[in-house]
Protein backbone atom coordinates (compact mmCIF):
# COMPACT_ATOMS: atom_id res chain seq x y z
CA MET A 1 118.59 113.62 133.61
CA GLY A 2 119.46 113.59 137.28
CA LYS A 3 122.78 113.33 139.05
CA VAL A 4 123.46 110.29 141.21
CA GLU A 5 124.35 111.17 144.80
CA ASP A 6 128.07 110.65 145.34
CA GLN A 7 127.68 108.45 148.42
CA LYS A 8 125.12 106.19 146.77
CA LEU A 9 127.34 105.99 143.70
CA VAL A 10 130.33 104.93 145.81
CA GLU A 11 128.24 102.26 147.56
CA PHE A 12 127.01 100.92 144.22
CA MET A 13 130.54 100.86 142.80
CA LYS A 14 131.87 98.82 145.73
CA SER A 15 129.65 95.87 144.80
CA ALA A 16 129.63 96.31 141.03
CA ARG A 17 131.53 94.17 138.58
CA ILE A 18 132.59 96.30 135.61
CA VAL A 19 133.80 95.18 132.18
CA ILE A 20 135.36 97.64 129.73
CA SER A 21 135.89 96.87 126.05
CA ILE A 22 137.01 99.78 123.89
CA ASN A 23 139.70 100.59 121.32
CA PRO A 24 142.54 101.16 121.77
CA SER A 25 143.11 99.06 124.88
CA SER A 26 145.01 101.97 126.48
CA ASN A 27 141.73 103.91 126.51
CA GLY A 28 140.14 101.01 128.35
CA ARG A 29 142.82 101.24 131.00
CA ASP A 30 142.16 104.98 131.28
CA LEU A 31 138.47 104.31 131.90
CA ARG A 32 139.41 101.73 134.49
CA LYS A 33 141.23 104.46 136.42
CA LEU A 34 138.16 106.69 136.22
CA PHE A 35 135.94 103.95 137.64
CA LEU A 36 138.42 103.46 140.49
CA LYS A 37 138.21 107.20 141.12
CA LEU A 38 134.44 106.80 141.59
CA GLY A 39 134.94 104.11 144.22
CA ALA A 40 135.04 100.86 142.24
CA LEU A 41 137.24 98.09 143.65
CA PRO A 42 140.38 97.28 141.60
CA ASN A 43 139.71 93.54 141.31
CA GLN A 44 136.15 94.24 140.10
CA VAL A 45 137.10 96.37 137.07
CA ILE A 46 138.20 94.35 134.02
CA ALA A 47 139.59 96.07 130.92
CA THR A 48 139.48 93.52 128.09
CA GLU A 49 141.80 93.52 125.10
CA ASN A 50 139.37 92.47 122.37
CA PHE A 51 135.77 91.64 121.49
CA GLU A 52 136.03 87.91 122.23
CA ASP A 53 137.54 88.53 125.67
CA ALA A 54 134.70 90.95 126.45
CA LYS A 55 132.12 88.39 125.33
CA LYS A 56 133.67 85.77 127.60
CA GLU A 57 133.67 88.13 130.58
CA VAL A 58 130.08 89.41 130.28
CA SER A 59 128.61 85.99 129.46
CA SER A 60 130.51 83.99 132.10
CA TYR A 61 130.13 86.29 135.09
CA PRO A 62 127.42 88.74 136.24
CA THR A 63 128.49 92.17 134.98
CA HIS A 64 126.74 95.13 136.56
CA ILE A 65 128.27 97.81 134.32
CA PHE A 66 129.36 97.09 130.78
CA ILE A 67 131.05 99.79 128.71
CA ALA A 68 132.00 99.09 125.10
CA ASP A 69 132.67 100.63 121.71
CA ILE A 70 129.70 100.91 119.38
CA ASP A 71 132.18 99.98 116.63
CA PHE A 72 134.68 97.33 117.63
CA GLY A 73 136.56 96.36 114.48
CA GLU A 74 134.11 94.44 112.35
CA LYS A 75 131.79 93.93 115.31
CA SER A 76 129.80 96.11 117.68
CA GLY A 77 129.54 96.34 121.43
CA LEU A 78 125.77 96.22 120.93
CA ASP A 79 126.15 92.54 120.02
CA LEU A 80 127.30 91.82 123.57
CA ILE A 81 124.37 93.31 125.49
CA GLU A 82 122.34 90.10 125.35
CA TYR A 83 125.21 88.23 127.04
CA GLN A 84 125.30 90.77 129.84
CA GLU A 85 121.53 90.53 130.34
CA LYS A 86 121.28 86.75 130.50
CA ASN A 87 122.85 86.68 133.99
CA PHE A 88 120.16 88.93 135.49
CA LYS A 89 116.42 88.68 136.04
CA ASN A 90 115.95 92.21 134.70
CA ARG A 91 117.96 95.35 134.01
CA ILE A 92 117.37 97.11 137.32
CA ASP A 93 120.78 95.99 138.59
CA ILE A 94 122.78 96.49 135.39
CA ALA A 95 123.82 99.36 133.17
CA THR A 96 125.20 99.48 129.62
CA ILE A 97 127.22 102.38 128.23
CA MET A 98 128.32 102.65 124.59
CA VAL A 99 131.38 104.67 123.58
CA SER A 100 131.33 106.58 120.31
CA SER A 101 133.30 109.21 118.46
CA GLY A 102 130.05 110.68 117.22
CA PRO A 103 127.76 107.98 115.92
CA SER A 104 126.29 107.86 112.44
CA ASN A 105 122.55 108.02 112.02
CA ALA A 106 122.50 104.26 111.65
CA SER A 107 124.38 103.80 114.92
CA ILE A 108 122.06 106.20 116.74
CA GLY A 109 119.09 104.15 115.62
CA MET A 110 120.76 100.90 116.66
CA MET A 111 121.52 102.25 120.13
CA ALA A 112 118.02 103.63 120.56
CA GLU A 113 116.53 100.17 119.97
CA ALA A 114 119.06 98.33 122.11
CA ASN A 115 119.14 98.46 125.90
CA VAL A 116 121.71 101.23 126.05
CA ASP A 117 121.50 103.36 129.19
CA ALA A 118 123.96 106.07 128.11
CA VAL A 119 126.41 107.08 125.38
CA LEU A 120 129.93 108.24 126.24
CA LEU A 121 131.29 110.51 123.54
CA ARG A 122 134.97 110.95 122.87
CA PRO A 123 137.20 112.67 123.94
CA LEU A 124 137.20 110.61 127.13
CA THR A 125 137.29 113.40 129.69
CA PHE A 126 136.26 112.90 133.30
CA ASP A 127 133.29 115.23 132.88
CA ASN A 128 132.01 113.27 129.86
CA PHE A 129 132.57 110.04 131.73
CA LYS A 130 130.79 111.15 134.91
CA ARG A 131 127.86 112.50 132.90
CA ALA A 132 127.43 109.14 131.12
CA VAL A 133 127.71 107.19 134.38
CA ASP A 134 125.11 109.42 136.06
CA GLN A 135 122.71 108.89 133.16
CA ALA A 136 123.29 105.12 133.09
CA LEU A 137 122.90 104.63 136.83
CA GLU A 138 120.14 107.13 137.54
CA ASN A 139 117.47 104.40 137.74
CA LYS A 140 119.81 101.70 139.05
CA VAL A 141 121.32 103.15 142.21
CA ASN A 142 118.00 104.28 143.67
CA PRO A 143 115.18 103.09 141.40
CA SER A 144 111.80 104.74 141.73
CA PRO A 145 108.62 102.69 142.42
CA TYR A 146 107.66 103.26 138.79
CA TRP A 147 110.93 101.82 137.54
CA ARG A 148 110.76 98.84 139.90
CA LEU A 149 107.29 97.94 138.67
CA LEU A 150 108.36 98.22 135.04
CA GLU A 151 111.30 95.89 135.59
CA GLU A 152 109.12 93.44 137.50
CA ALA A 153 106.63 93.39 134.62
CA LYS A 154 109.43 93.02 132.06
CA ALA A 155 110.70 89.96 133.94
CA PHE A 156 107.28 88.31 133.58
CA PHE A 157 107.16 89.37 129.92
CA ASN A 158 110.56 87.78 129.23
CA LEU A 159 109.28 84.54 130.76
CA ASN A 160 106.19 84.77 128.51
CA GLN A 161 103.98 85.07 131.61
CA LEU A 162 101.96 87.78 129.92
CA ASP A 163 98.86 87.81 132.12
CA GLN A 164 101.01 88.37 135.23
CA ALA A 165 102.68 91.39 133.60
CA ILE A 166 99.46 93.28 132.79
CA PRO A 167 98.26 94.22 136.33
CA ILE A 168 101.78 95.31 137.30
CA LEU A 169 101.98 97.60 134.28
CA GLU A 170 98.52 98.97 135.01
CA GLU A 171 99.64 99.75 138.56
CA SER A 172 102.81 101.45 137.31
CA LYS A 173 100.77 104.04 135.40
CA SER A 174 99.88 105.77 138.67
CA LYS A 175 103.54 106.04 139.72
CA HIS A 176 104.66 108.51 137.05
CA PRO A 177 103.19 111.73 135.61
CA LYS A 178 103.95 110.58 132.02
CA PRO A 179 104.08 106.78 132.05
CA THR A 180 104.89 106.35 128.35
CA LEU A 181 107.07 103.30 129.05
CA ALA A 182 104.20 101.61 130.86
CA PHE A 183 101.98 102.05 127.80
CA TYR A 184 104.80 100.80 125.58
CA TYR A 185 105.28 97.58 127.54
CA LEU A 186 101.53 97.07 127.75
CA GLY A 187 101.46 97.34 123.98
CA LEU A 188 104.18 94.69 123.71
CA VAL A 189 102.26 92.36 126.01
CA TYR A 190 99.03 92.72 124.04
CA ARG A 191 100.87 92.28 120.76
CA SER A 192 102.45 89.06 122.07
CA LYS A 193 98.91 87.91 122.91
CA ASN A 194 97.95 88.80 119.32
CA GLN A 195 95.47 91.34 120.62
CA ILE A 196 96.36 93.85 117.93
CA SER A 197 93.68 96.49 118.62
CA GLU A 198 94.57 96.59 122.34
CA ALA A 199 98.25 96.88 121.51
CA LEU A 200 97.64 99.78 119.12
CA ARG A 201 95.48 101.51 121.71
CA SER A 202 98.29 101.28 124.28
CA PHE A 203 100.87 102.72 121.92
CA GLU A 204 98.51 105.55 120.98
CA GLU A 205 98.00 106.34 124.67
CA GLY A 206 101.73 106.58 125.10
CA LEU A 207 102.03 108.86 122.08
CA ARG A 208 99.34 111.14 123.45
CA LEU A 209 101.62 111.71 126.41
CA ASP A 210 104.70 112.11 124.22
CA PRO A 211 104.07 112.30 120.44
CA LYS A 212 107.74 111.60 119.72
CA ASP A 213 108.31 108.68 122.07
CA TYR A 214 110.75 106.39 120.26
CA ARG A 215 109.52 103.10 121.66
CA CYS A 216 105.80 103.75 121.18
CA LEU A 217 106.42 104.85 117.59
CA ILE A 218 108.38 101.67 116.89
CA GLY A 219 105.72 99.62 118.67
CA MET A 220 103.04 101.16 116.47
CA LEU A 221 105.03 100.39 113.31
CA ASP A 222 105.77 96.77 114.23
CA THR A 223 102.18 96.11 115.29
CA ARG A 224 100.77 97.49 112.03
CA ILE A 225 103.11 95.16 110.15
CA GLN A 226 102.12 92.21 112.33
CA GLY A 227 98.50 92.96 111.52
CA LEU A 228 99.39 93.13 107.78
CA GLU A 229 98.07 96.70 107.69
CA TRP A 230 100.60 97.80 105.08
CA ASP A 231 99.30 101.29 104.32
CA GLU A 232 98.92 102.12 108.00
CA ALA A 233 102.36 100.63 108.67
CA TYR A 234 103.84 102.88 106.00
CA LYS A 235 102.22 105.91 107.64
CA ALA A 236 103.68 104.79 110.98
CA ALA A 237 107.12 104.42 109.40
CA THR A 238 106.88 107.91 107.89
CA ARG A 239 105.83 109.32 111.26
CA PHE A 240 108.72 107.56 112.99
CA HIS A 241 111.43 108.59 110.53
CA ALA A 242 110.36 112.21 110.65
CA ASP A 243 112.16 112.34 114.01
CA TYR A 244 114.49 109.34 114.14
CA PRO A 245 117.15 107.79 111.89
CA VAL A 246 116.85 104.35 110.35
CA SER A 247 118.68 101.60 112.23
CA LEU A 248 120.42 98.87 110.23
CA LYS A 249 118.35 96.11 111.80
CA ARG A 250 115.19 97.75 110.47
CA ILE A 251 116.29 98.14 106.85
CA PRO A 252 115.09 94.65 105.74
CA GLY A 253 111.63 95.25 107.17
CA LEU A 254 111.42 98.72 105.66
CA VAL A 255 112.47 97.45 102.23
CA ARG A 256 109.75 94.82 102.40
CA LEU A 257 107.25 97.44 103.53
CA SER A 258 108.21 99.73 100.63
CA VAL A 259 107.67 96.88 98.16
CA HIS A 260 104.29 96.00 99.67
CA CYS A 261 103.17 99.63 99.37
CA GLY A 262 104.77 100.28 95.98
CA LYS A 263 107.03 102.99 97.43
CA TYR A 264 110.05 101.80 95.45
CA PRO A 265 112.09 105.04 95.45
CA ASP A 266 112.28 104.80 99.27
CA ILE A 267 114.53 101.78 98.79
CA LEU A 268 117.23 104.08 97.45
CA ASP A 269 117.25 105.97 100.76
CA TYR A 270 117.88 102.72 102.61
CA TYR A 271 120.63 101.86 100.14
CA LYS A 272 122.42 105.12 100.96
CA ILE A 273 122.57 104.03 104.61
CA PHE A 274 123.52 100.48 103.74
CA LYS A 275 126.41 101.33 101.41
CA ASP A 276 128.31 103.21 104.14
CA ILE A 277 128.52 100.31 106.55
CA GLU A 278 131.50 97.97 106.68
CA LYS A 279 129.91 94.99 108.39
CA ARG A 280 127.18 93.68 106.08
CA ASP A 281 124.86 90.99 107.31
CA PRO A 282 124.05 88.43 104.53
CA ILE A 283 120.29 88.72 105.05
CA LEU A 284 120.52 92.50 104.91
CA CYS A 285 122.52 92.30 101.67
CA ARG A 286 119.98 89.95 100.13
CA VAL A 287 116.98 92.11 100.96
CA VAL A 288 118.67 95.33 99.82
CA VAL A 289 119.71 93.78 96.49
CA ALA A 290 116.22 92.35 95.96
CA GLY A 291 114.61 95.69 96.72
CA MET A 292 116.92 97.53 94.35
CA LEU A 293 116.12 95.10 91.54
CA ILE A 294 112.43 95.80 92.02
CA CYS A 295 113.20 99.53 92.10
CA ALA A 296 115.25 99.28 88.88
CA LYS A 297 112.33 97.60 87.14
CA PHE A 298 109.93 100.24 88.46
CA LEU A 299 112.12 103.06 87.13
CA PHE A 300 112.45 101.27 83.78
CA LYS A 301 108.68 101.07 83.45
CA LYS A 302 108.53 104.79 84.30
CA GLN A 303 110.80 105.25 81.24
CA ASP A 304 113.69 106.54 83.34
CA ALA A 305 116.29 104.25 81.81
CA LEU A 306 119.33 106.11 83.15
CA ALA A 307 118.10 105.95 86.76
CA SER A 308 117.05 102.33 86.28
CA LEU A 309 120.51 101.36 84.99
CA SER A 310 122.24 103.23 87.80
CA VAL A 311 120.22 101.38 90.45
CA LEU A 312 120.79 98.05 88.72
CA LYS A 313 124.56 98.63 88.57
CA ASP A 314 124.60 99.46 92.29
CA ALA A 315 122.66 96.26 92.98
CA ALA A 316 125.18 94.34 90.88
CA LYS A 317 128.06 95.78 92.90
CA ILE A 318 126.51 94.72 96.21
CA SER A 319 125.63 91.34 94.76
CA SER A 320 129.26 90.77 93.72
CA GLU A 321 130.64 91.92 97.06
CA CYS A 322 128.21 89.84 99.12
CA GLY A 323 127.77 86.85 96.80
CA THR A 324 123.98 87.07 96.83
CA LEU A 325 121.21 87.03 94.18
CA GLN A 326 123.72 87.13 91.31
CA THR A 327 121.40 85.04 89.15
CA ASP A 328 118.61 87.56 89.65
CA VAL A 329 120.91 90.50 88.91
CA LEU A 330 121.96 88.90 85.63
CA ARG A 331 118.32 88.15 84.82
CA TYR A 332 117.41 91.80 85.25
CA PHE A 333 120.24 92.94 82.99
CA VAL A 334 118.82 90.61 80.35
CA GLN A 335 115.18 91.47 80.90
CA LEU A 336 115.71 95.22 80.82
CA GLY A 337 117.96 94.97 77.78
CA TYR A 338 121.20 96.25 79.36
CA TYR A 339 123.34 93.74 77.51
CA LEU A 340 126.65 95.63 77.66
CA GLU A 341 126.42 95.95 81.42
CA GLY A 342 125.25 92.33 81.62
CA MET A 343 128.35 91.19 79.72
CA GLU A 344 130.51 93.19 82.14
CA PHE A 345 128.76 91.61 85.12
CA LEU A 346 128.96 88.03 83.83
CA PRO A 347 132.65 87.41 84.74
CA LYS A 348 131.83 88.38 88.35
CA VAL A 349 129.41 85.46 88.63
CA PRO A 350 131.26 82.49 90.19
CA GLN A 351 132.17 79.75 87.74
CA ASP A 352 130.25 77.04 89.60
CA LEU A 353 127.12 79.17 89.45
CA ARG A 354 127.60 79.81 85.75
CA GLN A 355 127.38 76.07 85.07
CA LYS A 356 123.78 75.92 86.27
CA PRO A 357 121.18 75.61 83.49
CA GLU A 358 119.34 78.77 84.57
CA ILE A 359 122.47 80.89 84.26
CA ARG A 360 123.43 79.26 80.97
CA LEU A 361 120.01 80.09 79.56
CA LEU A 362 120.42 83.68 80.68
CA CYS A 363 123.86 83.79 79.06
CA LEU A 364 122.31 82.55 75.84
CA GLU A 365 119.85 85.46 75.89
CA LEU A 366 122.66 87.85 76.77
CA TYR A 367 124.83 86.66 73.86
CA SER A 368 121.88 87.14 71.54
CA LEU A 369 121.22 90.69 72.80
CA ALA A 370 124.92 91.50 72.37
CA GLY A 371 124.93 90.20 68.80
CA GLN A 372 127.31 87.35 69.67
CA ASP A 373 125.62 84.89 67.32
CA GLU A 374 128.55 82.47 67.15
CA LEU A 375 128.43 82.18 70.94
CA VAL A 376 124.67 81.63 70.77
CA LEU A 377 125.15 78.70 68.37
CA GLN A 378 127.98 77.24 70.43
CA GLU A 379 126.25 77.50 73.80
CA GLY A 380 122.79 76.65 72.42
CA THR A 381 124.08 73.47 70.76
CA GLU A 382 125.72 72.40 74.03
CA LEU A 383 122.45 72.97 75.91
CA LEU A 384 120.54 70.76 73.46
CA LYS A 385 123.16 68.02 73.81
CA GLN A 386 122.61 68.12 77.56
CA GLU A 387 118.85 67.79 77.05
CA ILE A 388 118.21 71.37 78.12
CA LYS A 389 115.57 71.97 75.48
CA THR A 390 113.27 74.95 75.85
CA GLU A 391 111.34 77.07 73.41
CA LYS A 392 113.69 79.99 74.19
CA VAL A 393 116.80 77.96 73.27
CA TYR A 394 115.33 77.02 69.93
CA GLN A 395 114.14 80.57 69.21
CA LEU A 396 117.60 82.00 69.82
CA LEU A 397 119.35 79.25 67.86
CA ILE A 398 117.05 79.75 64.87
CA SER A 399 117.45 83.54 64.97
CA SER A 400 121.27 83.38 65.16
CA SER A 401 121.39 80.69 62.44
CA GLN A 402 119.41 82.96 60.13
CA LYS A 403 121.67 85.92 60.87
CA LEU A 404 124.75 83.82 60.11
CA ASN A 405 123.15 82.47 56.90
CA ARG A 406 123.33 78.86 58.03
CA SER A 407 121.82 76.22 55.75
CA ASP A 408 118.07 76.09 55.33
CA GLU A 409 118.18 72.41 56.24
CA SER A 410 119.69 73.06 59.69
CA ILE A 411 117.19 75.83 60.35
CA VAL A 412 114.26 73.64 59.30
CA GLN A 413 115.52 70.90 61.60
CA LEU A 414 115.62 73.34 64.54
CA GLN A 415 112.11 74.53 63.70
CA ARG A 416 110.86 70.94 63.59
CA GLU A 417 112.37 70.15 66.99
CA SER A 418 111.07 73.41 68.43
CA SER A 419 107.50 72.55 67.46
CA GLN A 420 107.69 69.51 69.71
CA VAL A 421 108.66 71.54 72.81
CA PRO A 422 105.71 72.55 75.07
CA GLN A 423 105.26 76.31 75.01
CA THR A 424 105.68 76.83 78.72
CA ASP A 425 108.91 78.78 78.61
CA GLN A 426 108.55 82.11 80.40
CA SER A 427 111.28 84.50 81.38
CA ALA A 428 111.78 84.07 85.11
CA ALA A 429 112.41 87.79 85.36
CA GLU A 430 108.70 88.28 84.81
CA LYS A 431 107.97 86.31 87.93
CA VAL A 432 108.04 87.92 91.35
CA GLY A 433 107.68 84.75 93.37
CA TRP A 434 111.34 84.84 94.35
CA PHE A 435 110.85 88.23 95.96
CA LYS A 436 107.57 87.25 97.63
CA GLY A 437 109.42 84.34 99.15
CA LEU A 438 112.10 86.72 100.32
CA LEU A 439 109.48 88.90 102.01
CA LYS A 440 108.46 85.92 104.11
CA SER A 441 112.02 84.92 105.02
C-alpha cells in the first residue's frame, strides 16, 4: 500500500464531497474535523445523524468519499454503497471506507465482496484515519494506466456492453506485472456471455499469478455453480474457505451447494455463523432452516439421534424467531419420532397456520405418537366432518379407537369408510420437492 502525496491529497479534498455516517454521531463530527485537517472544505463534509440521512445524502448527490459503520444499528453501511455508486460512471472518482471495532469473520467476508476501498479500525486516531484514507485514495488521486483501463472496462461491463470490455481488459494485462484483476474481470465478462470454459480459464490464469486472490477464487466458485458442476464447485468452495471467511450473503448458496453434494454436516458450520448475527434476512433464515432439517434427517439415518435432535431443535428455534418453514419443522418432529419436542414446538406455531389442513393432519400424527388418543379421536372426527378424509386419518382413528376400547361397531364403520379412500396418502416429510424448489428460489 502506497502513501498519497500530501499536495495531491489536498487538491483532491478541495473538490471532494464527503459523507460520514458512524455511531455515535459525535465520532462522525470528530472524523469531519480530521477531513478538514487534510484539506477538505467545510461545506463539503457532511456528518449524518442516522442511516436514513446517510442514504439520502449519498443517493441524492454525488459523494466522492463515503465513510460509514459496518454495523449501523440493525443495518450496515455496506447497504449504502450501491447508492453512492449510482451517481458515477465507475469507481475511479469515488472511495468507500468502512469503520469497524474489529469485524467478525462474517463482516470481513462481506467487506471483501463489496466495493470497500479501506477499513478504518477503532480507536479513531489520526494515524489510523490517515492510513485508511491513503489506502482508499491510492488509486483515485493519481490512478495508474492499469487502473484506468480496468475502470473503463468495468463501465462497459455495467452497461452490458461485454464485447467492448474485452479488448480493454486484454490491453490492461500489459500494464501491470501481476494483472490478477484483469483476469478476474475478463472471467466475469465471459461468464456473463455464458462462455463458461473461457471464464474458468481466466480465473485460473489469475490464480496462477496469485493462488489466494479473493476475487478469482470467488469467480471460480460462482462459475462452477452456474455451470451446475456441483462437485467442482464444492472443491472451489473448500479452496476458497481455506483462506477466507464465509460472508453472510454467500450462506444460502453454500447451503444449497452442501445439499447438492451431500455434505450435510457443513451446514452446521454455516449455522454457527448465522446464529451470531442480529439482522436476519428472511431468505437467509429460510435456507438455513431448510438445510438444517435436511441435516437432521441425515444424522437420524446415520443413527446419531442425539445430534439429529439437537440440530432439529436449533432449526425449530430459528423457525419460531423468523416465522419460516414452521410446517416443515413440525413435520420433521413427527417423521423422526420426536413427539415430546414436537408437542413443545406446537404452541409456537401461529394459530392461523394451525388451522390449515396440513398442520392439523400433522397434529393428529403427533397426538398419536404422544399417546393422546382422546385428542386423536376429537381432532380426527372434526377432520372427517370437514371432508378432510385421508387414509392416514382413518388409520389413526381406528388405532386410537382400539386402544380406548371403543365399540366394535364404530371401528367397523371407520374401517368400511377407510376402504373407500384411495391409497395415495404419503407423509409429506418423505418428499424433498419443497427443498428442491427452495434451491431454485
